[in-house]
C-alpha atoms as a PDB file:
ATOM      1  CA  MET A   1       2.892   0.591   9.369  1.00  0.00           C
ATOM      2  CA  THR A   2       1.848   3.436  11.656  1.00  0.00           C
ATOM      3  CA  ARG A   3      -1.502   4.924  10.838  1.00  0.00           C
ATOM      4  CA  VAL A   4      -2.635   8.428  11.649  1.00  0.00           C
ATOM      5  CA  ARG A   5      -5.940   8.147  13.427  1.00  0.00           C
ATOM      6  CA  ASN A   6      -8.983   9.543  11.618  1.00  0.00           C
ATOM      7  CA  ARG A   7     -10.719  12.507  13.150  1.00  0.00           C
ATOM      8  CA  ARG A   8     -14.088  11.917  14.754  1.00  0.00           C
ATOM      9  CA  GLY A   9     -16.757  11.467  12.090  1.00  0.00           C
ATOM     10  CA  GLU A  10     -14.373  10.113   9.438  1.00  0.00           C
ATOM     11  CA  GLY A  11     -15.323   6.474   9.906  1.00  0.00           C
ATOM     12  CA  ALA A  12     -16.683   6.309   6.365  1.00  0.00           C
ATOM     13  CA  ARG A  13     -13.196   7.091   5.066  1.00  0.00           C
ATOM     14  CA  LEU A  14     -11.715   4.217   7.071  1.00  0.00           C
ATOM     15  CA  ARG A  15     -14.451   1.900   5.810  1.00  0.00           C
ATOM     16  CA  ALA A  16     -13.631   2.882   2.225  1.00  0.00           C
ATOM     17  CA  GLU A  17      -9.936   2.231   2.886  1.00  0.00           C
ATOM     18  CA  MET A  18     -10.787  -1.210   4.241  1.00  0.00           C
ATOM     19  CA  ILE A  19     -12.864  -2.040   1.159  1.00  0.00           C
ATOM     20  CA  GLU A  20     -10.031  -0.850  -1.089  1.00  0.00           C
ATOM     21  CA  ALA A  21      -7.483  -2.939   0.846  1.00  0.00           C
ATOM     22  CA  ALA A  22      -9.702  -6.024   0.579  1.00  0.00           C
ATOM     23  CA  THR A  23     -10.168  -5.317  -3.134  1.00  0.00           C
ATOM     24  CA  GLY A  24      -6.399  -5.323  -3.562  1.00  0.00           C
ATOM     25  CA  LEU A  25      -6.014  -8.517  -1.574  1.00  0.00           C
ATOM     26  CA  LEU A  26      -8.723 -10.189  -3.674  1.00  0.00           C
ATOM     27  CA  ALA A  27      -7.030  -9.324  -6.969  1.00  0.00           C
ATOM     28  CA  SER A  28      -5.327 -12.711  -6.807  1.00  0.00           C
ATOM     29  CA  PRO A  29      -7.532 -15.723  -6.157  1.00  0.00           C
ATOM     30  CA  PRO A  30      -8.552 -17.546  -4.122  1.00  0.00           C
ATOM     31  CA  GLU A  31     -10.769 -15.334  -1.963  1.00  0.00           C
ATOM     32  CA  GLU A  32     -10.447 -17.844   0.857  1.00  0.00           C
ATOM     33  CA  VAL A  33      -7.062 -16.297   1.717  1.00  0.00           C
ATOM     34  CA  LEU A  34      -8.716 -13.004   2.618  1.00  0.00           C
ATOM     35  CA  SER A  35      -8.962 -12.438   6.339  1.00  0.00           C
ATOM     36  CA  LEU A  36     -10.087  -9.496   8.387  1.00  0.00           C
ATOM     37  CA  ARG A  37      -6.644  -9.522  10.029  1.00  0.00           C
ATOM     38  CA  ALA A  38      -4.979  -9.168   6.607  1.00  0.00           C
ATOM     39  CA  VAL A  39      -7.231  -6.213   5.796  1.00  0.00           C
ATOM     40  CA  ALA A  40      -6.462  -4.623   9.169  1.00  0.00           C
ATOM     41  CA  ARG A  41      -2.720  -5.053   8.526  1.00  0.00           C
ATOM     42  CA  ALA A  42      -3.012  -3.559   5.033  1.00  0.00           C
ATOM     43  CA  VAL A  43      -4.857  -0.509   6.359  1.00  0.00           C
ATOM     44  CA  GLY A  44      -2.751  -0.179   9.496  1.00  0.00           C
ATOM     45  CA  VAL A  45      -5.469  -0.665  12.107  1.00  0.00           C
ATOM     46  CA  THR A  46      -6.282  -3.308  14.672  1.00  0.00           C
ATOM     47  CA  PRO A  47      -8.548  -6.214  13.662  1.00  0.00           C
ATOM     48  CA  GLN A  48     -11.140  -4.897  16.107  1.00  0.00           C
ATOM     49  CA  SER A  49     -11.394  -1.728  13.985  1.00  0.00           C
ATOM     50  CA  VAL A  50     -12.483  -3.800  11.001  1.00  0.00           C
ATOM     51  CA  TYR A  51     -15.315  -5.299  13.067  1.00  0.00           C
ATOM     52  CA  LEU A  52     -16.652  -1.794  13.721  1.00  0.00           C
ATOM     53  CA  HIS A  53     -17.419  -1.565   9.992  1.00  0.00           C
ATOM     54  CA  PHE A  54     -18.045  -5.181   8.934  1.00  0.00           C
ATOM     55  CA  ALA A  55     -19.736  -7.900  10.960  1.00  0.00           C
ATOM     56  CA  ASP A  56     -17.715 -10.607   9.244  1.00  0.00           C
ATOM     57  CA  LYS A  57     -15.648 -11.502   6.190  1.00  0.00           C
ATOM     58  CA  GLN A  58     -18.766 -12.183   4.111  1.00  0.00           C
ATOM     59  CA  GLU A  59     -19.997  -8.629   4.626  1.00  0.00           C
ATOM     60  CA  LEU A  60     -16.604  -7.231   3.611  1.00  0.00           C
ATOM     61  CA  VAL A  61     -16.466  -9.435   0.493  1.00  0.00           C
ATOM     62  CA  TYR A  62     -19.960  -8.259  -0.436  1.00  0.00           C
ATOM     63  CA  ALA A  63     -18.792  -4.629  -0.175  1.00  0.00           C
ATOM     64  CA  VAL A  64     -15.869  -5.472  -2.477  1.00  0.00           C
ATOM     65  CA  VAL A  65     -18.228  -7.182  -4.935  1.00  0.00           C
ATOM     66  CA  GLU A  66     -20.480  -4.103  -4.986  1.00  0.00           C
ATOM     67  CA  ARG A  67     -17.487  -1.857  -5.635  1.00  0.00           C
ATOM     68  CA  LEU A  68     -16.133  -4.070  -8.429  1.00  0.00           C
ATOM     69  CA  PHE A  69     -19.497  -4.284 -10.196  1.00  0.00           C
ATOM     70  CA  GLU A  70     -19.778  -0.483  -9.999  1.00  0.00           C
ATOM     71  CA  ARG A  71     -16.319  -0.161 -11.581  1.00  0.00           C
ATOM     72  CA  LEU A  72     -17.136  -2.655 -14.331  1.00  0.00           C
ATOM     73  CA  ASP A  73     -20.424  -0.891 -15.041  1.00  0.00           C
ATOM     74  CA  ARG A  74     -18.631   2.477 -15.357  1.00  0.00           C
ATOM     75  CA  VAL A  75     -16.042   0.953 -17.728  1.00  0.00           C
ATOM     76  CA  LEU A  76     -18.769  -0.510 -19.940  1.00  0.00           C
ATOM     77  CA  ASP A  77     -20.815   2.697 -19.950  1.00  0.00           C
ATOM     78  CA  ALA A  78     -17.708   4.696 -20.893  1.00  0.00           C
ATOM     79  CA  ALA A  79     -16.873   2.262 -23.690  1.00  0.00           C
ATOM     80  CA  ASP A  80     -20.221   2.491 -25.405  1.00  0.00           C
ATOM     81  CA  GLY A  81     -20.767   6.170 -24.678  1.00  0.00           C
ATOM     82  CA  GLY A  82     -18.652   7.436 -27.553  1.00  0.00           C
ATOM     83  CA  ALA A  83     -19.541   4.918 -30.258  1.00  0.00           C
ATOM     84  CA  GLY A  84     -21.801   5.839 -33.191  1.00  0.00           C
ATOM     85  CA  THR A  85     -24.543   3.365 -34.065  1.00  0.00           C
ATOM     86  CA  PRO A  86     -26.346   1.090 -31.610  1.00  0.00           C
ATOM     87  CA  PHE A  87     -24.352  -1.828 -33.040  1.00  0.00           C
ATOM     88  CA  ASP A  88     -21.075   0.084 -32.526  1.00  0.00           C
ATOM     89  CA  ARG A  89     -22.055   0.735 -28.904  1.00  0.00           C
ATOM     90  CA  LEU A  90     -22.919  -2.925 -28.332  1.00  0.00           C
ATOM     91  CA  ARG A  91     -19.629  -4.047 -29.884  1.00  0.00           C
ATOM     92  CA  ALA A  92     -17.648  -1.534 -27.801  1.00  0.00           C
ATOM     93  CA  ARG A  93     -19.391  -2.737 -24.632  1.00  0.00           C
ATOM     94  CA  CYS A  94     -18.621  -6.397 -25.448  1.00  0.00           C
ATOM     95  CA  LEU A  95     -14.942  -5.695 -26.146  1.00  0.00           C
ATOM     96  CA  ALA A  96     -14.636  -3.602 -22.967  1.00  0.00           C
ATOM     97  CA  TYR A  97     -16.222  -6.401 -20.928  1.00  0.00           C
ATOM     98  CA  CYS A  98     -13.646  -8.904 -22.180  1.00  0.00           C
ATOM     99  CA  ALA A  99     -10.764  -6.440 -21.787  1.00  0.00           C
ATOM    100  CA  TRP A 100     -11.739  -5.732 -18.164  1.00  0.00           C
ATOM    101  CA  GLY A 101     -12.069  -9.425 -17.360  1.00  0.00           C
ATOM    102  CA  LEU A 102      -8.722 -10.274 -18.943  1.00  0.00           C
ATOM    103  CA  ALA A 103      -6.965  -7.363 -17.219  1.00  0.00           C
ATOM    104  CA  ASN A 104      -8.505  -8.224 -13.822  1.00  0.00           C
ATOM    105  CA  PRO A 105      -8.649 -12.038 -13.674  1.00  0.00           C
ATOM    106  CA  GLY A 106      -8.810 -12.304  -9.871  1.00  0.00           C
ATOM    107  CA  HIS A 107     -11.574  -9.755  -9.594  1.00  0.00           C
ATOM    108  CA  TYR A 108     -13.423 -11.263 -12.558  1.00  0.00           C
ATOM    109  CA  ARG A 109     -13.278 -14.681 -10.932  1.00  0.00           C
ATOM    110  CA  LEU A 110     -14.635 -13.223  -7.693  1.00  0.00           C
ATOM    111  CA  LEU A 111     -17.590 -11.641  -9.509  1.00  0.00           C
ATOM    112  CA  PHE A 112     -18.516 -14.446 -11.891  1.00  0.00           C
ATOM    113  CA  ASP A 113     -16.815 -17.684 -10.961  1.00  0.00           C
ATOM    114  CA  SER A 114     -16.657 -17.844  -7.202  1.00  0.00           C
ATOM    115  CA  PRO A 115     -18.618 -19.702  -4.553  1.00  0.00           C
ATOM    116  CA  ALA A 116     -18.367 -16.580  -2.374  1.00  0.00           C
ATOM    117  CA  THR A 117     -20.689 -14.536  -4.600  1.00  0.00           C
ATOM    118  CA  GLY A 118     -23.052 -17.444  -5.111  1.00  0.00           C
ATOM    119  CA  GLN A 119     -23.594 -17.759  -1.364  1.00  0.00           C
ATOM    120  CA  MET A 120     -24.438 -14.125  -0.635  1.00  0.00           C
ATOM    121  CA  GLY A 121     -28.137 -14.822  -0.478  1.00  0.00           C
ATOM    122  CA  THR A 122     -29.148 -12.298  -3.107  1.00  0.00           C
ATOM    123  CA  GLY A 123     -31.313 -13.032  -6.082  1.00  0.00           C
ATOM    124  CA  TYR A 124     -30.854 -11.296  -9.411  1.00  0.00           C
ATOM    125  CA  ALA A 125     -33.145  -8.317  -8.787  1.00  0.00           C
ATOM    126  CA  GLY A 126     -31.247  -5.705  -6.846  1.00  0.00           C
ATOM    127  CA  SER A 127     -27.998  -7.660  -6.924  1.00  0.00           C
ATOM    128  CA  PRO A 128     -24.748  -5.770  -7.511  1.00  0.00           C
ATOM    129  CA  GLY A 129     -24.329  -7.394 -10.943  1.00  0.00           C
ATOM    130  CA  ALA A 130     -27.824  -6.649 -12.232  1.00  0.00           C
ATOM    131  CA  ALA A 131     -26.816  -3.223 -13.580  1.00  0.00           C
ATOM    132  CA  VAL A 132     -23.998  -4.765 -15.636  1.00  0.00           C
ATOM    133  CA  PHE A 133     -26.324  -7.317 -17.226  1.00  0.00           C
ATOM    134  CA  GLU A 134     -29.104  -4.777 -17.769  1.00  0.00           C
ATOM    135  CA  GLY A 135     -26.604  -2.444 -19.441  1.00  0.00           C
ATOM    136  CA  MET A 136     -25.654  -5.242 -21.840  1.00  0.00           C
ATOM    137  CA  ARG A 137     -29.295  -6.027 -22.490  1.00  0.00           C
ATOM    138  CA  GLY A 138     -30.063  -2.343 -23.049  1.00  0.00           C
ATOM    139  CA  ALA A 139     -27.214  -2.033 -25.553  1.00  0.00           C
ATOM    140  CA  LEU A 140     -28.420  -5.146 -27.382  1.00  0.00           C
ATOM    141  CA  GLU A 141     -32.135  -4.304 -27.616  1.00  0.00           C
ATOM    142  CA  PRO A 142     -31.874  -1.662 -30.389  1.00  0.00           C
ATOM    143  CA  CYS A 143     -29.988  -4.229 -32.509  1.00  0.00           C
ATOM    144  CA  LEU A 144     -32.643  -6.936 -32.289  1.00  0.00           C
ATOM    145  CA  SER A 145     -35.144  -7.902 -34.959  1.00  0.00           C
ATOM    146  CA  PRO A 146     -38.831  -7.755 -34.048  1.00  0.00           C
ATOM    147  CA  GLY A 147     -39.866 -10.802 -32.059  1.00  0.00           C
ATOM    148  CA  GLU A 148     -36.404 -11.622 -30.682  1.00  0.00           C
ATOM    149  CA  ASP A 149     -36.296 -12.113 -26.906  1.00  0.00           C
ATOM    150  CA  PRO A 150     -33.980  -9.425 -25.474  1.00  0.00           C
ATOM    151  CA  HIS A 151     -33.309 -11.408 -22.307  1.00  0.00           C
ATOM    152  CA  ALA A 152     -32.406 -14.644 -24.109  1.00  0.00           C
ATOM    153  CA  CYS A 153     -30.215 -12.785 -26.608  1.00  0.00           C
ATOM    154  CA  ALA A 154     -28.415 -10.908 -23.820  1.00  0.00           C
ATOM    155  CA  VAL A 155     -27.816 -14.187 -21.969  1.00  0.00           C
ATOM    156  CA  ALA A 156     -26.370 -15.715 -25.161  1.00  0.00           C
ATOM    157  CA  VAL A 157     -24.005 -12.767 -25.686  1.00  0.00           C
ATOM    158  CA  TRP A 158     -22.974 -12.689 -22.023  1.00  0.00           C
ATOM    159  CA  THR A 159     -22.327 -16.446 -22.058  1.00  0.00           C
ATOM    160  CA  PHE A 160     -20.050 -16.013 -25.067  1.00  0.00           C
ATOM    161  CA  LEU A 161     -18.169 -13.116 -23.449  1.00  0.00           C
ATOM    162  CA  HIS A 162     -17.806 -14.935 -20.130  1.00  0.00           C
ATOM    163  CA  GLY A 163     -16.540 -18.058 -21.860  1.00  0.00           C
ATOM    164  CA  ASN A 164     -13.922 -16.039 -23.692  1.00  0.00           C
ATOM    165  CA  VAL A 165     -12.645 -14.402 -20.531  1.00  0.00           C
ATOM    166  CA  VAL A 166     -12.538 -17.628 -18.516  1.00  0.00           C
ATOM    167  CA  LEU A 167     -11.014 -19.753 -21.272  1.00  0.00           C
ATOM    168  CA  ARG A 168      -8.426 -17.172 -22.343  1.00  0.00           C
ATOM    169  CA  THR A 169      -7.393 -16.707 -18.722  1.00  0.00           C
ATOM    170  CA  GLY A 170      -7.264 -20.436 -18.000  1.00  0.00           C
ATOM    171  CA  LYS A 171      -5.718 -21.547 -21.306  1.00  0.00           C
ATOM    172  CA  PRO A 172      -3.273 -18.807 -22.325  1.00  0.00           C
ATOM    173  CA  GLY A 173      -1.225 -21.204 -24.481  1.00  0.00           C
ATOM    174  CA  PHE A 174      -4.137 -21.995 -26.795  1.00  0.00           C
ATOM    175  CA  PRO A 175      -3.890 -20.359 -30.250  1.00  0.00           C
ATOM    176  CA  TRP A 176      -6.760 -17.945 -29.710  1.00  0.00           C
ATOM    177  CA  PRO A 177      -8.000 -15.954 -32.686  1.00  0.00           C
ATOM    178  CA  GLY A 178      -8.301 -12.210 -32.188  1.00  0.00           C
ATOM    179  CA  LEU A 179     -11.071 -11.193 -29.830  1.00  0.00           C
ATOM    180  CA  ASP A 180     -12.348  -8.448 -32.142  1.00  0.00           C
ATOM    181  CA  GLY A 181     -12.999 -10.981 -34.909  1.00  0.00           C
ATOM    182  CA  LEU A 182     -14.744 -13.423 -32.578  1.00  0.00           C
ATOM    183  CA  VAL A 183     -16.972 -10.692 -31.158  1.00  0.00           C
ATOM    184  CA  ASP A 184     -17.831  -9.570 -34.701  1.00  0.00           C
ATOM    185  CA  GLN A 185     -18.682 -13.144 -35.665  1.00  0.00           C
ATOM    186  CA  VAL A 186     -21.002 -13.653 -32.681  1.00  0.00           C
ATOM    187  CA  LEU A 187     -22.644 -10.255 -33.051  1.00  0.00           C
ATOM    188  CA  ALA A 188     -23.066 -10.567 -36.849  1.00  0.00           C
ATOM    189  CA  SER A 189     -26.734 -11.484 -36.564  1.00  0.00           C
ATOM    190  CA  TYR A 190     -27.394  -8.250 -34.655  1.00  0.00           C
ATOM    191  CA  ARG A 191     -25.636  -6.013 -37.193  1.00  0.00           C
ATOM    192  CA  PRO A 192     -27.978  -3.975 -39.376  1.00  0.00           C
ATOM    193  CA  TRP A 193     -27.112  -4.376 -43.054  1.00  0.00           C
END
């Protein structure tokens, strides 16, 4: 593939193209198959060009992780933005989370079930995934009874959602009940009557 060289000052565009190419390559696990050479080939540049933007593979994977969490966060915000009650917004967010994970199994695995993201040296605060969790917690808080721990409840809901995505992806032949009904069952204690 012959690439038209960017004009001076358009390095940010090339960097974005490299992140997008790596994102595409990481759509199918495992992430270990990603190489800077593969990204260079996909973008149509020399491997040395990739090193001008990323010190190593880890830095590139981190940029992909940031981009994917931003996308997931936008999907979840859009899902609960049009719903009526706080419970409706929470339910919409939960269903959108599962739908995104099931539609993007390689990317979901990279974000939530991969040694690569666990070894990035970031704690929770300020991590790329913190906004996604905080959005879930924020959607859940108006549905809680006085005295319930918002953090613990959000962890319980997230654990349920994550388990559904991972198990449905890994065991497609199992006779799964409908996701809507399962989400309703788990969220029943948060529904105002």
